[in-house]
Amino acid sequence: MKINFYNKTPNKVWKYEKIITNIFKNNKSKKIFNIIFVTDEEIQEINRTYRGKDKVTDVITFALQDSEEMLMMAENELGDIFICVDQALRQAKEYNHSVAREIGFLSVHGYLHLLGYDHMTEEDEKEMFALQEEILQKANLTRGEKNV
C-alpha cells in the first residue's frame, strides 16, 4: 500500500502522517491513495461544491473506482481522502479522546469508503463501523485513549 500525503494547511502534519502510515503498515495491497489535509474553509468549499452542503465537515472521500472508466485508467489508485485538521482537533476534544485516535478514525473511515463501504443503511453501518474499530484496535487507537 502506498499513501501520498499532501498538506494544504498551516499545521505541521508529520505526526498525523506517521499515525496513518502505522495504521496501514501491514496492508500488503498494491493500492495507492492520497490523503490531503485541508482547512475549514477548503473542506467547506469541497462540501458545498460536491455535496451541496455549505458547512464544515471532518472528512470527504472521492473514490476513483466509482466509475468503470476511472477503474480502467487507474487500476491500483483508490482515490482521495480530504481530512479537515481543525475539525479533527475539535472532534478529538469533543469526544474526549486523542487527536491520534480522531485522525486515525477519519483516515480509516475514508479508506473504507474508497473500498466501497458505506453507512447508508443500518446493516451497512454496522459492518463498516465494526471493521473501522477492528482496524483502529490493531493500531492501538482505542476510544478514550488520550495520547498525542
N, C-alpha and C. Protein backbone atom coordinates (compact mmCIF):
# COMPACT_ATOMS: atom_id res chain seq x y z
N MET A 1 0.84 -1.17 0.00
CA MET A 1 0.00 0.00 0.00
C MET A 1 0.89 1.24 0.00
N LYS A 2 0.48 2.19 -0.79
CA LYS A 2 1.21 3.46 -0.84
C LYS A 2 0.22 4.58 -0.57
N ILE A 3 0.60 5.45 0.36
CA ILE A 3 -0.21 6.61 0.70
C ILE A 3 0.59 7.85 0.36
N ASN A 4 0.02 8.72 -0.45
CA ASN A 4 0.62 10.02 -0.75
C ASN A 4 -0.03 11.05 0.15
N PHE A 5 0.78 11.83 0.84
CA PHE A 5 0.26 12.86 1.74
C PHE A 5 0.48 14.25 1.15
N TYR A 6 -0.52 15.10 1.31
CA TYR A 6 -0.44 16.50 0.88
C TYR A 6 -0.99 17.36 2.01
N ASN A 7 -0.28 18.42 2.33
CA ASN A 7 -0.71 19.31 3.40
C ASN A 7 -1.06 20.67 2.82
N LYS A 8 -2.34 21.04 2.92
CA LYS A 8 -2.80 22.34 2.43
C LYS A 8 -3.24 23.21 3.61
N THR A 9 -2.59 22.99 4.75
CA THR A 9 -2.91 23.75 5.97
C THR A 9 -1.62 24.40 6.49
N PRO A 10 -1.76 25.34 7.41
CA PRO A 10 -0.56 25.89 8.05
C PRO A 10 -0.02 24.96 9.15
N ASN A 11 -0.73 23.89 9.47
CA ASN A 11 -0.34 22.96 10.53
C ASN A 11 0.83 22.07 10.09
N LYS A 12 1.62 21.65 11.05
CA LYS A 12 2.62 20.62 10.80
C LYS A 12 1.90 19.28 10.97
N VAL A 13 1.94 18.46 9.95
CA VAL A 13 1.13 17.23 9.96
C VAL A 13 1.96 15.95 9.96
N TRP A 14 3.25 16.04 10.17
CA TRP A 14 4.09 14.85 10.11
C TRP A 14 3.65 13.81 11.15
N LYS A 15 3.16 14.24 12.33
CA LYS A 15 2.68 13.29 13.33
C LYS A 15 1.47 12.52 12.80
N TYR A 16 0.60 13.23 12.10
CA TYR A 16 -0.60 12.59 11.56
C TYR A 16 -0.21 11.60 10.45
N GLU A 17 0.76 11.99 9.63
CA GLU A 17 1.24 11.08 8.58
C GLU A 17 1.80 9.81 9.20
N LYS A 18 2.54 9.95 10.27
CA LYS A 18 3.13 8.80 10.96
C LYS A 18 2.03 7.89 11.54
N ILE A 19 1.01 8.48 12.14
CA ILE A 19 -0.11 7.72 12.70
C ILE A 19 -0.80 6.92 11.60
N ILE A 20 -1.08 7.58 10.49
CA ILE A 20 -1.79 6.93 9.38
C ILE A 20 -0.93 5.84 8.74
N THR A 21 0.35 6.13 8.55
CA THR A 21 1.26 5.13 8.00
C THR A 21 1.29 3.90 8.88
N ASN A 22 1.31 4.10 10.20
CA ASN A 22 1.32 2.99 11.14
C ASN A 22 0.06 2.14 11.04
N ILE A 23 -1.08 2.78 10.86
CA ILE A 23 -2.34 2.05 10.75
C ILE A 23 -2.31 1.07 9.57
N PHE A 24 -1.76 1.52 8.46
CA PHE A 24 -1.81 0.73 7.23
C PHE A 24 -0.52 -0.03 6.93
N LYS A 25 0.43 -0.04 7.85
CA LYS A 25 1.75 -0.61 7.58
C LYS A 25 1.73 -2.10 7.23
N ASN A 26 0.78 -2.84 7.74
CA ASN A 26 0.73 -4.28 7.46
C ASN A 26 -0.16 -4.63 6.27
N ASN A 27 -0.71 -3.64 5.64
CA ASN A 27 -1.56 -3.87 4.47
C ASN A 27 -0.66 -4.08 3.26
N LYS A 28 -0.66 -5.29 2.74
CA LYS A 28 0.26 -5.66 1.65
C LYS A 28 -0.31 -5.38 0.26
N SER A 29 -1.45 -4.74 0.20
CA SER A 29 -2.08 -4.44 -1.09
C SER A 29 -1.20 -3.52 -1.92
N LYS A 30 -1.38 -3.54 -3.21
CA LYS A 30 -0.64 -2.65 -4.12
C LYS A 30 -1.44 -1.38 -4.41
N LYS A 31 -2.47 -1.15 -3.65
CA LYS A 31 -3.32 0.02 -3.84
C LYS A 31 -2.62 1.31 -3.40
N ILE A 32 -3.04 2.39 -4.04
CA ILE A 32 -2.50 3.72 -3.77
C ILE A 32 -3.66 4.66 -3.49
N PHE A 33 -3.50 5.52 -2.49
CA PHE A 33 -4.49 6.58 -2.28
C PHE A 33 -3.81 7.81 -1.71
N ASN A 34 -4.51 8.91 -1.79
CA ASN A 34 -3.99 10.19 -1.33
C ASN A 34 -4.75 10.65 -0.10
N ILE A 35 -4.01 11.23 0.84
CA ILE A 35 -4.63 11.91 1.97
C ILE A 35 -4.21 13.37 1.87
N ILE A 36 -5.21 14.24 1.83
CA ILE A 36 -4.96 15.66 1.72
C ILE A 36 -5.50 16.32 2.98
N PHE A 37 -4.61 16.96 3.74
CA PHE A 37 -5.01 17.68 4.94
C PHE A 37 -5.41 19.09 4.52
N VAL A 38 -6.62 19.49 4.93
CA VAL A 38 -7.16 20.78 4.50
C VAL A 38 -7.68 21.59 5.68
N THR A 39 -7.98 22.85 5.39
CA THR A 39 -8.51 23.79 6.38
C THR A 39 -10.05 23.71 6.41
N ASP A 40 -10.62 24.38 7.40
CA ASP A 40 -12.09 24.50 7.47
C ASP A 40 -12.65 25.08 6.18
N GLU A 41 -12.02 26.15 5.70
CA GLU A 41 -12.52 26.84 4.51
C GLU A 41 -12.51 25.93 3.29
N GLU A 42 -11.43 25.19 3.13
CA GLU A 42 -11.33 24.33 1.95
C GLU A 42 -12.32 23.16 2.00
N ILE A 43 -12.47 22.54 3.16
CA ILE A 43 -13.40 21.40 3.23
C ILE A 43 -14.84 21.89 3.06
N GLN A 44 -15.12 23.10 3.56
CA GLN A 44 -16.47 23.65 3.37
C GLN A 44 -16.74 23.89 1.89
N GLU A 45 -15.76 24.40 1.18
CA GLU A 45 -15.91 24.64 -0.26
C GLU A 45 -16.11 23.32 -1.02
N ILE A 46 -15.35 22.31 -0.66
CA ILE A 46 -15.49 20.98 -1.29
C ILE A 46 -16.87 20.42 -0.99
N ASN A 47 -17.28 20.53 0.26
CA ASN A 47 -18.59 20.02 0.69
C ASN A 47 -19.72 20.73 -0.05
N ARG A 48 -19.59 22.04 -0.21
CA ARG A 48 -20.61 22.84 -0.91
C ARG A 48 -20.64 22.46 -2.39
N THR A 49 -19.48 22.39 -3.01
CA THR A 49 -19.39 22.14 -4.44
C THR A 49 -19.85 20.73 -4.83
N TYR A 50 -19.41 19.74 -4.08
CA TYR A 50 -19.64 18.35 -4.50
C TYR A 50 -20.79 17.66 -3.77
N ARG A 51 -21.19 18.20 -2.61
CA ARG A 51 -22.26 17.53 -1.87
C ARG A 51 -23.46 18.44 -1.63
N GLY A 52 -23.34 19.72 -2.01
CA GLY A 52 -24.44 20.65 -1.84
C GLY A 52 -24.69 21.01 -0.38
N LYS A 53 -23.69 20.82 0.48
CA LYS A 53 -23.83 21.12 1.90
C LYS A 53 -22.83 22.22 2.26
N ASP A 54 -23.34 23.39 2.58
CA ASP A 54 -22.49 24.55 2.85
C ASP A 54 -22.09 24.59 4.32
N LYS A 55 -21.28 23.60 4.72
CA LYS A 55 -20.80 23.56 6.10
C LYS A 55 -19.49 22.79 6.17
N VAL A 56 -18.77 23.02 7.26
CA VAL A 56 -17.52 22.31 7.51
C VAL A 56 -17.86 20.87 7.89
N THR A 57 -17.05 19.93 7.41
CA THR A 57 -17.18 18.54 7.79
C THR A 57 -15.79 18.00 8.11
N ASP A 58 -15.70 16.78 8.59
CA ASP A 58 -14.41 16.25 9.02
C ASP A 58 -13.63 15.54 7.91
N VAL A 59 -14.33 14.78 7.07
CA VAL A 59 -13.66 14.00 6.03
C VAL A 59 -14.57 13.88 4.82
N ILE A 60 -13.97 13.98 3.66
CA ILE A 60 -14.69 13.76 2.39
C ILE A 60 -13.81 12.87 1.54
N THR A 61 -14.43 11.88 0.93
CA THR A 61 -13.71 10.90 0.12
C THR A 61 -14.19 10.93 -1.31
N PHE A 62 -13.25 10.85 -2.23
CA PHE A 62 -13.57 10.74 -3.66
C PHE A 62 -12.90 9.47 -4.19
N ALA A 63 -13.72 8.47 -4.46
CA ALA A 63 -13.21 7.19 -4.96
C ALA A 63 -13.08 7.23 -6.47
N LEU A 64 -11.92 6.90 -6.98
CA LEU A 64 -11.72 6.84 -8.43
C LEU A 64 -12.47 5.65 -9.02
N GLN A 65 -12.65 4.63 -8.25
CA GLN A 65 -13.27 3.42 -8.77
C GLN A 65 -14.79 3.47 -8.76
N ASP A 66 -15.33 4.67 -8.59
CA ASP A 66 -16.78 4.84 -8.68
C ASP A 66 -17.28 4.67 -10.10
N SER A 67 -16.40 4.87 -11.07
CA SER A 67 -16.82 4.72 -12.46
C SER A 67 -15.95 3.69 -13.17
N GLU A 68 -16.54 2.97 -14.09
CA GLU A 68 -15.83 1.93 -14.84
C GLU A 68 -14.66 2.53 -15.62
N GLU A 69 -14.86 3.71 -16.18
CA GLU A 69 -13.82 4.38 -16.96
C GLU A 69 -12.60 4.68 -16.07
N MET A 70 -12.83 5.20 -14.90
CA MET A 70 -11.73 5.53 -13.99
C MET A 70 -11.06 4.26 -13.50
N LEU A 71 -11.83 3.22 -13.27
CA LEU A 71 -11.28 1.95 -12.81
C LEU A 71 -10.25 1.42 -13.79
N MET A 72 -10.53 1.53 -15.07
CA MET A 72 -9.61 1.03 -16.09
C MET A 72 -8.38 1.94 -16.20
N MET A 73 -8.53 3.22 -15.97
CA MET A 73 -7.42 4.15 -16.09
C MET A 73 -6.45 4.04 -14.90
N ALA A 74 -6.98 3.81 -13.74
CA ALA A 74 -6.17 3.83 -12.53
C ALA A 74 -6.43 2.56 -11.72
N GLU A 75 -5.95 1.45 -12.23
CA GLU A 75 -6.25 0.15 -11.64
C GLU A 75 -5.90 0.05 -10.16
N ASN A 76 -4.77 0.59 -9.76
CA ASN A 76 -4.34 0.49 -8.36
C ASN A 76 -4.67 1.73 -7.53
N GLU A 77 -5.12 2.78 -8.17
CA GLU A 77 -5.41 4.01 -7.45
C GLU A 77 -6.84 4.01 -6.92
N LEU A 78 -6.96 4.22 -5.62
CA LEU A 78 -8.29 4.22 -5.00
C LEU A 78 -8.96 5.57 -5.03
N GLY A 79 -8.21 6.65 -4.80
CA GLY A 79 -8.81 7.98 -4.79
C GLY A 79 -8.21 8.88 -3.74
N ASP A 80 -9.00 9.86 -3.31
CA ASP A 80 -8.54 10.91 -2.40
C ASP A 80 -9.38 10.95 -1.13
N ILE A 81 -8.69 11.18 -0.01
CA ILE A 81 -9.35 11.40 1.27
C ILE A 81 -8.94 12.79 1.75
N PHE A 82 -9.91 13.67 1.90
CA PHE A 82 -9.66 15.02 2.41
C PHE A 82 -10.01 15.03 3.90
N ILE A 83 -9.03 15.35 4.74
CA ILE A 83 -9.25 15.41 6.19
C ILE A 83 -9.08 16.85 6.64
N CYS A 84 -10.09 17.37 7.32
CA CYS A 84 -10.03 18.72 7.86
C CYS A 84 -9.36 18.66 9.25
N VAL A 85 -8.14 19.16 9.32
CA VAL A 85 -7.36 19.09 10.55
C VAL A 85 -8.03 19.83 11.70
N ASP A 86 -8.51 21.04 11.46
CA ASP A 86 -9.14 21.81 12.54
C ASP A 86 -10.37 21.11 13.09
N GLN A 87 -11.17 20.53 12.19
CA GLN A 87 -12.36 19.80 12.64
C GLN A 87 -11.96 18.55 13.42
N ALA A 88 -10.92 17.88 12.99
CA ALA A 88 -10.43 16.70 13.71
C ALA A 88 -9.98 17.09 15.13
N LEU A 89 -9.30 18.22 15.25
CA LEU A 89 -8.86 18.69 16.57
C LEU A 89 -10.06 19.00 17.47
N ARG A 90 -11.07 19.65 16.91
CA ARG A 90 -12.29 19.95 17.69
C ARG A 90 -13.00 18.67 18.11
N GLN A 91 -13.10 17.72 17.19
CA GLN A 91 -13.82 16.48 17.50
C GLN A 91 -13.07 15.63 18.53
N ALA A 92 -11.75 15.61 18.48
CA ALA A 92 -10.99 14.87 19.49
C ALA A 92 -11.31 15.40 20.88
N LYS A 93 -11.36 16.71 20.99
CA LYS A 93 -11.70 17.34 22.28
C LYS A 93 -13.14 17.02 22.67
N GLU A 94 -14.05 17.16 21.72
CA GLU A 94 -15.47 16.91 21.97
C GLU A 94 -15.73 15.47 22.39
N TYR A 95 -15.07 14.52 21.73
CA TYR A 95 -15.29 13.09 22.02
C TYR A 95 -14.39 12.58 23.13
N ASN A 96 -13.55 13.49 23.67
CA ASN A 96 -12.69 13.18 24.80
C ASN A 96 -11.72 12.03 24.51
N HIS A 97 -11.13 12.08 23.33
CA HIS A 97 -10.05 11.14 23.03
C HIS A 97 -8.92 11.87 22.31
N SER A 98 -7.88 11.15 21.99
CA SER A 98 -6.69 11.78 21.43
C SER A 98 -6.89 12.24 19.99
N VAL A 99 -6.05 13.17 19.60
CA VAL A 99 -6.03 13.61 18.20
C VAL A 99 -5.60 12.42 17.32
N ALA A 100 -4.68 11.60 17.82
CA ALA A 100 -4.25 10.41 17.08
C ALA A 100 -5.43 9.51 16.77
N ARG A 101 -6.29 9.29 17.75
CA ARG A 101 -7.47 8.45 17.55
C ARG A 101 -8.38 9.08 16.48
N GLU A 102 -8.59 10.38 16.56
CA GLU A 102 -9.50 11.04 15.62
C GLU A 102 -8.94 11.04 14.20
N ILE A 103 -7.68 11.38 14.04
CA ILE A 103 -7.05 11.35 12.72
C ILE A 103 -7.06 9.92 12.18
N GLY A 104 -6.76 8.97 13.04
CA GLY A 104 -6.80 7.56 12.64
C GLY A 104 -8.18 7.15 12.20
N PHE A 105 -9.18 7.51 12.99
CA PHE A 105 -10.56 7.18 12.64
C PHE A 105 -10.95 7.76 11.29
N LEU A 106 -10.65 9.03 11.07
CA LEU A 106 -11.03 9.68 9.81
C LEU A 106 -10.33 9.04 8.62
N SER A 107 -9.06 8.68 8.79
CA SER A 107 -8.34 8.05 7.68
C SER A 107 -8.90 6.67 7.37
N VAL A 108 -9.20 5.88 8.39
CA VAL A 108 -9.77 4.54 8.19
C VAL A 108 -11.17 4.66 7.60
N HIS A 109 -11.95 5.57 8.11
CA HIS A 109 -13.30 5.79 7.59
C HIS A 109 -13.24 6.13 6.10
N GLY A 110 -12.37 7.06 5.75
CA GLY A 110 -12.21 7.44 4.34
C GLY A 110 -11.71 6.28 3.50
N TYR A 111 -10.75 5.53 4.01
CA TYR A 111 -10.21 4.37 3.29
C TYR A 111 -11.31 3.35 2.99
N LEU A 112 -12.13 3.07 3.97
CA LEU A 112 -13.21 2.09 3.75
C LEU A 112 -14.21 2.60 2.71
N HIS A 113 -14.47 3.91 2.70
CA HIS A 113 -15.31 4.47 1.64
C HIS A 113 -14.66 4.25 0.28
N LEU A 114 -13.33 4.44 0.19
CA LEU A 114 -12.63 4.21 -1.07
C LEU A 114 -12.79 2.76 -1.54
N LEU A 115 -12.90 1.85 -0.59
CA LEU A 115 -13.07 0.43 -0.92
C LEU A 115 -14.51 0.07 -1.24
N GLY A 116 -15.42 1.04 -1.08
CA GLY A 116 -16.81 0.79 -1.44
C GLY A 116 -17.75 0.59 -0.26
N TYR A 117 -17.24 0.64 0.97
CA TYR A 117 -18.12 0.52 2.13
C TYR A 117 -18.89 1.81 2.30
N ASP A 118 -20.08 1.69 2.89
CA ASP A 118 -20.90 2.86 3.15
C ASP A 118 -21.71 2.63 4.41
N HIS A 119 -22.42 3.66 4.85
CA HIS A 119 -23.24 3.56 6.06
C HIS A 119 -24.61 4.18 5.82
N MET A 120 -25.15 3.90 4.64
CA MET A 120 -26.47 4.43 4.28
C MET A 120 -27.60 3.64 4.94
N THR A 121 -27.38 2.35 5.19
CA THR A 121 -28.38 1.55 5.89
C THR A 121 -27.80 1.11 7.22
N GLU A 122 -28.66 0.71 8.14
CA GLU A 122 -28.21 0.27 9.46
C GLU A 122 -27.28 -0.95 9.34
N GLU A 123 -27.62 -1.86 8.46
CA GLU A 123 -26.81 -3.06 8.26
C GLU A 123 -25.41 -2.70 7.72
N ASP A 124 -25.37 -1.82 6.72
CA ASP A 124 -24.09 -1.38 6.16
C ASP A 124 -23.27 -0.63 7.20
N GLU A 125 -23.93 0.20 7.99
CA GLU A 125 -23.24 0.96 9.03
C GLU A 125 -22.60 0.03 10.05
N LYS A 126 -23.33 -0.98 10.49
CA LYS A 126 -22.78 -1.93 11.47
C LYS A 126 -21.54 -2.62 10.91
N GLU A 127 -21.60 -3.03 9.65
CA GLU A 127 -20.47 -3.71 9.02
C GLU A 127 -19.26 -2.77 8.91
N MET A 128 -19.50 -1.56 8.41
CA MET A 128 -18.41 -0.62 8.22
C MET A 128 -17.79 -0.20 9.55
N PHE A 129 -18.62 0.12 10.53
CA PHE A 129 -18.11 0.61 11.80
C PHE A 129 -17.39 -0.49 12.58
N ALA A 130 -17.84 -1.73 12.45
CA ALA A 130 -17.14 -2.85 13.10
C ALA A 130 -15.75 -3.02 12.50
N LEU A 131 -15.66 -2.92 11.20
CA LEU A 131 -14.38 -3.02 10.51
C LEU A 131 -13.45 -1.86 10.91
N GLN A 132 -14.01 -0.64 11.00
CA GLN A 132 -13.23 0.51 11.45
C GLN A 132 -12.62 0.25 12.81
N GLU A 133 -13.44 -0.20 13.75
CA GLU A 133 -12.97 -0.43 15.11
C GLU A 133 -11.92 -1.53 15.15
N GLU A 134 -12.08 -2.56 14.36
CA GLU A 134 -11.10 -3.64 14.30
C GLU A 134 -9.74 -3.10 13.83
N ILE A 135 -9.75 -2.31 12.78
CA ILE A 135 -8.51 -1.74 12.25
C ILE A 135 -7.87 -0.80 13.27
N LEU A 136 -8.67 0.04 13.90
CA LEU A 136 -8.15 1.00 14.87
C LEU A 136 -7.62 0.30 16.12
N GLN A 137 -8.27 -0.76 16.57
CA GLN A 137 -7.78 -1.50 17.73
C GLN A 137 -6.44 -2.16 17.44
N LYS A 138 -6.28 -2.69 16.23
CA LYS A 138 -4.99 -3.28 15.85
C LYS A 138 -3.88 -2.25 15.87
N ALA A 139 -4.22 -0.98 15.63
CA ALA A 139 -3.24 0.11 15.66
C ALA A 139 -3.16 0.76 17.05
N ASN A 140 -3.83 0.16 18.04
CA ASN A 140 -3.86 0.68 19.43
C ASN A 140 -4.43 2.09 19.51
N LEU A 141 -5.44 2.36 18.69
CA LEU A 141 -6.12 3.65 18.73
C LEU A 141 -7.55 3.43 19.20
N THR A 142 -7.68 3.16 20.48
CA THR A 142 -8.97 2.82 21.05
C THR A 142 -9.68 4.07 21.54
N ARG A 143 -10.99 3.96 21.71
CA ARG A 143 -11.78 5.07 22.24
C ARG A 143 -11.30 5.40 23.64
N GLY A 144 -11.28 6.69 23.95
CA GLY A 144 -10.89 7.11 25.28
C GLY A 144 -9.38 7.19 25.48
N GLU A 145 -8.62 6.75 24.50
CA GLU A 145 -7.16 6.78 24.58
C GLU A 145 -6.72 8.24 24.43
N LYS A 146 -5.85 8.70 25.34
CA LYS A 146 -5.57 10.13 25.46
C LYS A 146 -4.19 10.57 25.01
N ASN A 147 -3.41 9.73 24.40
CA ASN A 147 -2.04 10.13 24.00
C ASN A 147 -2.05 10.98 22.75
N VAL A 148 -0.98 11.74 22.56
CA VAL A 148 -0.70 12.60 21.39
C VAL A 148 -1.67 13.75 21.29
